[in-house]
Amino acid sequence: MKDLLPAPAAYRLAGRVWVQGPDDRFLGIGRLELLGHIRATGSISRAAAAMGMSYKRAWDLVHSMNTQARQPLVATQTGGKSGGGAALTPAGEQALAAFEAVQARFEAFLAEETRRLAE
């Protein structure tokens, strides 16, 4: 196969992995990034801004994840004297860690398969 491909430095396999629920995507790289920003900022709106996405889109993604999971991944607190906020629940922390591990293994798989193509 290597005779068919461009020079080895010019190509690599690429792909995306996600967890598909019965009706909708549950977790993927974008949702993983959103969870990480919520963890870092304590806010869905600040997480959305960091990703260049609308608050409504971020809220819809959080709602989708929370309703598909057995336990909510993100807990929210409405505004008030100290303002609102959001945080990952223990289930959210567990989901984030598990999917990060899946993503790392997937990237390693793609790198290994790219190497094999050059053989």
C-alpha atoms as a PDB file:
ATOM      1  CA  MET A   1       0.000   0.000   0.000  1.00  0.00           C
ATOM      2  CA  LYS A   2       2.868   2.405   0.712  1.00  0.00           C
ATOM      3  CA  ASP A   3       3.503   2.726  -3.032  1.00  0.00           C
ATOM      4  CA  LEU A   4       0.020   4.231  -3.418  1.00  0.00           C
ATOM      5  CA  LEU A   5       0.298   6.849  -0.664  1.00  0.00           C
ATOM      6  CA  PRO A   6       2.012  10.240  -0.626  1.00  0.00           C
ATOM      7  CA  ALA A   7       5.320  10.557   1.202  1.00  0.00           C
ATOM      8  CA  PRO A   8       4.912   9.297   4.815  1.00  0.00           C
ATOM      9  CA  ALA A   9       5.150  12.775   6.338  1.00  0.00           C
ATOM     10  CA  ALA A  10       2.296  13.941   4.101  1.00  0.00           C
ATOM     11  CA  TYR A  11      -0.456  11.686   5.416  1.00  0.00           C
ATOM     12  CA  ARG A  12      -2.017  10.292   8.551  1.00  0.00           C
ATOM     13  CA  LEU A  13      -5.224   8.490   9.321  1.00  0.00           C
ATOM     14  CA  ALA A  14      -7.856  10.648  10.984  1.00  0.00           C
ATOM     15  CA  GLY A  15     -11.184   9.900  12.530  1.00  0.00           C
ATOM     16  CA  ARG A  16     -13.598  10.707  15.286  1.00  0.00           C
ATOM     17  CA  VAL A  17     -15.022   8.540  18.000  1.00  0.00           C
ATOM     18  CA  TRP A  18     -18.134   9.158  20.041  1.00  0.00           C
ATOM     19  CA  VAL A  19     -20.604   7.321  22.224  1.00  0.00           C
ATOM     20  CA  GLN A  20     -23.949   7.045  20.480  1.00  0.00           C
ATOM     21  CA  GLY A  21     -27.063   6.776  22.618  1.00  0.00           C
ATOM     22  CA  PRO A  22     -30.314   5.253  21.373  1.00  0.00           C
ATOM     23  CA  ASP A  23     -31.615   8.581  20.049  1.00  0.00           C
ATOM     24  CA  ASP A  24     -28.704  11.021  20.020  1.00  0.00           C
ATOM     25  CA  ARG A  25     -24.961  11.362  20.389  1.00  0.00           C
ATOM     26  CA  PHE A  26     -24.088  11.064  24.079  1.00  0.00           C
ATOM     27  CA  LEU A  27     -20.390  11.934  24.268  1.00  0.00           C
ATOM     28  CA  GLY A  28     -17.872  13.001  21.676  1.00  0.00           C
ATOM     29  CA  ILE A  29     -14.826  15.226  21.415  1.00  0.00           C
ATOM     30  CA  GLY A  30     -16.881  18.454  21.354  1.00  0.00           C
ATOM     31  CA  ARG A  31     -18.946  17.478  24.370  1.00  0.00           C
ATOM     32  CA  LEU A  32     -15.769  16.374  26.108  1.00  0.00           C
ATOM     33  CA  GLU A  33     -14.287  19.815  25.459  1.00  0.00           C
ATOM     34  CA  LEU A  34     -17.455  21.479  26.770  1.00  0.00           C
ATOM     35  CA  LEU A  35     -17.332  19.442  29.980  1.00  0.00           C
ATOM     36  CA  GLY A  36     -13.692  20.404  30.436  1.00  0.00           C
ATOM     37  CA  HIS A  37     -14.507  24.096  30.021  1.00  0.00           C
ATOM     38  CA  ILE A  38     -17.408  23.823  32.478  1.00  0.00           C
ATOM     39  CA  ARG A  39     -15.035  22.217  34.963  1.00  0.00           C
ATOM     40  CA  ALA A  40     -12.460  24.976  34.434  1.00  0.00           C
ATOM     41  CA  THR A  41     -14.833  27.956  34.427  1.00  0.00           C
ATOM     42  CA  GLY A  42     -17.698  26.864  36.673  1.00  0.00           C
ATOM     43  CA  SER A  43     -20.141  28.207  34.110  1.00  0.00           C
ATOM     44  CA  ILE A  44     -21.984  26.990  31.033  1.00  0.00           C
ATOM     45  CA  SER A  45     -21.994  30.492  29.539  1.00  0.00           C
ATOM     46  CA  ARG A  46     -18.238  30.964  30.052  1.00  0.00           C
ATOM     47  CA  ALA A  47     -17.587  27.455  28.699  1.00  0.00           C
ATOM     48  CA  ALA A  48     -19.663  28.281  25.617  1.00  0.00           C
ATOM     49  CA  ALA A  49     -17.790  31.558  25.110  1.00  0.00           C
ATOM     50  CA  ALA A  50     -14.443  29.769  25.392  1.00  0.00           C
ATOM     51  CA  MET A  51     -15.542  27.443  22.600  1.00  0.00           C
ATOM     52  CA  GLY A  52     -17.093  30.152  20.423  1.00  0.00           C
ATOM     53  CA  MET A  53     -20.544  28.602  20.713  1.00  0.00           C
ATOM     54  CA  SER A  54     -23.849  30.082  21.750  1.00  0.00           C
ATOM     55  CA  TYR A  55     -25.086  29.628  25.295  1.00  0.00           C
ATOM     56  CA  LYS A  56     -28.220  27.951  23.913  1.00  0.00           C
ATOM     57  CA  ARG A  57     -26.158  25.375  22.015  1.00  0.00           C
ATOM     58  CA  ALA A  58     -24.040  24.649  25.095  1.00  0.00           C
ATOM     59  CA  TRP A  59     -27.148  24.369  27.270  1.00  0.00           C
ATOM     60  CA  ASP A  60     -28.768  22.013  24.741  1.00  0.00           C
ATOM     61  CA  LEU A  61     -25.655  19.803  24.777  1.00  0.00           C
ATOM     62  CA  VAL A  62     -25.581  19.742  28.589  1.00  0.00           C
ATOM     63  CA  HIS A  63     -29.294  18.927  28.670  1.00  0.00           C
ATOM     64  CA  SER A  64     -28.786  16.121  26.143  1.00  0.00           C
ATOM     65  CA  MET A  65     -25.944  14.599  28.162  1.00  0.00           C
ATOM     66  CA  ASN A  66     -27.796  14.967  31.471  1.00  0.00           C
ATOM     67  CA  THR A  67     -30.994  13.358  30.191  1.00  0.00           C
ATOM     68  CA  GLN A  68     -29.194  10.457  28.497  1.00  0.00           C
ATOM     69  CA  ALA A  69     -26.928   9.624  31.431  1.00  0.00           C
ATOM     70  CA  ARG A  70     -28.101   7.520  34.346  1.00  0.00           C
ATOM     71  CA  GLN A  71     -27.046  10.413  36.581  1.00  0.00           C
ATOM     72  CA  PRO A  72     -26.611  14.061  35.532  1.00  0.00           C
ATOM     73  CA  LEU A  73     -23.094  14.980  34.400  1.00  0.00           C
ATOM     74  CA  VAL A  74     -23.472  18.709  35.078  1.00  0.00           C
ATOM     75  CA  ALA A  75     -25.167  20.333  38.066  1.00  0.00           C
ATOM     76  CA  THR A  76     -26.394  23.891  37.702  1.00  0.00           C
ATOM     77  CA  GLN A  77     -27.232  26.568  40.218  1.00  0.00           C
ATOM     78  CA  THR A  78     -29.502  29.415  39.219  1.00  0.00           C
ATOM     79  CA  GLY A  79     -28.439  33.010  39.714  1.00  0.00           C
ATOM     80  CA  GLY A  80     -29.009  34.921  42.861  1.00  0.00           C
ATOM     81  CA  LYS A  81     -26.941  36.984  45.259  1.00  0.00           C
ATOM     82  CA  SER A  82     -23.745  35.098  44.431  1.00  0.00           C
ATOM     83  CA  GLY A  83     -24.732  34.356  40.820  1.00  0.00           C
ATOM     84  CA  GLY A  84     -25.345  31.063  39.122  1.00  0.00           C
ATOM     85  CA  GLY A  85     -22.902  28.455  38.063  1.00  0.00           C
ATOM     86  CA  ALA A  86     -22.313  24.942  36.880  1.00  0.00           C
ATOM     87  CA  ALA A  87     -20.051  22.123  37.949  1.00  0.00           C
ATOM     88  CA  LEU A  88     -19.382  18.577  36.926  1.00  0.00           C
ATOM     89  CA  THR A  89     -21.002  16.007  39.165  1.00  0.00           C
ATOM     90  CA  PRO A  90     -19.023  12.942  40.248  1.00  0.00           C
ATOM     91  CA  ALA A  91     -20.674  11.148  37.312  1.00  0.00           C
ATOM     92  CA  GLY A  92     -19.522  13.974  35.032  1.00  0.00           C
ATOM     93  CA  GLU A  93     -15.956  13.703  36.295  1.00  0.00           C
ATOM     94  CA  GLN A  94     -16.084   9.936  35.735  1.00  0.00           C
ATOM     95  CA  ALA A  95     -17.509  10.327  32.216  1.00  0.00           C
ATOM     96  CA  LEU A  96     -14.888  12.932  31.334  1.00  0.00           C
ATOM     97  CA  ALA A  97     -12.023  10.739  32.546  1.00  0.00           C
ATOM     98  CA  ALA A  98     -13.394   7.624  30.826  1.00  0.00           C
ATOM     99  CA  PHE A  99     -13.911   9.365  27.495  1.00  0.00           C
ATOM    100  CA  GLU A 100     -10.501  11.049  27.661  1.00  0.00           C
ATOM    101  CA  ALA A 101      -9.015   7.552  28.027  1.00  0.00           C
ATOM    102  CA  VAL A 102     -11.049   6.266  25.061  1.00  0.00           C
ATOM    103  CA  GLN A 103      -9.917   9.262  22.994  1.00  0.00           C
ATOM    104  CA  ALA A 104      -6.257   8.641  23.880  1.00  0.00           C
ATOM    105  CA  ARG A 105      -6.521   4.961  22.892  1.00  0.00           C
ATOM    106  CA  PHE A 106      -8.272   5.908  19.647  1.00  0.00           C
ATOM    107  CA  GLU A 107      -5.530   8.413  18.757  1.00  0.00           C
ATOM    108  CA  ALA A 108      -2.882   5.768  19.507  1.00  0.00           C
ATOM    109  CA  PHE A 109      -4.753   3.312  17.258  1.00  0.00           C
ATOM    110  CA  LEU A 110      -4.816   5.847  14.408  1.00  0.00           C
ATOM    111  CA  ALA A 111      -1.091   6.551  14.812  1.00  0.00           C
ATOM    112  CA  GLU A 112      -0.286   2.834  14.746  1.00  0.00           C
ATOM    113  CA  GLU A 113      -2.442   2.225  11.678  1.00  0.00           C
ATOM    114  CA  THR A 114      -0.790   5.196   9.916  1.00  0.00           C
ATOM    115  CA  ARG A 115       2.570   3.610  10.669  1.00  0.00           C
ATOM    116  CA  ARG A 116       1.368   0.264   9.268  1.00  0.00           C
ATOM    117  CA  LEU A 117       0.334   1.886   6.002  1.00  0.00           C
ATOM    118  CA  ALA A 118       3.948   2.911   5.448  1.00  0.00           C
ATOM    119  CA  GLU A 119       5.190  -0.700   5.706  1.00  0.00           C
END
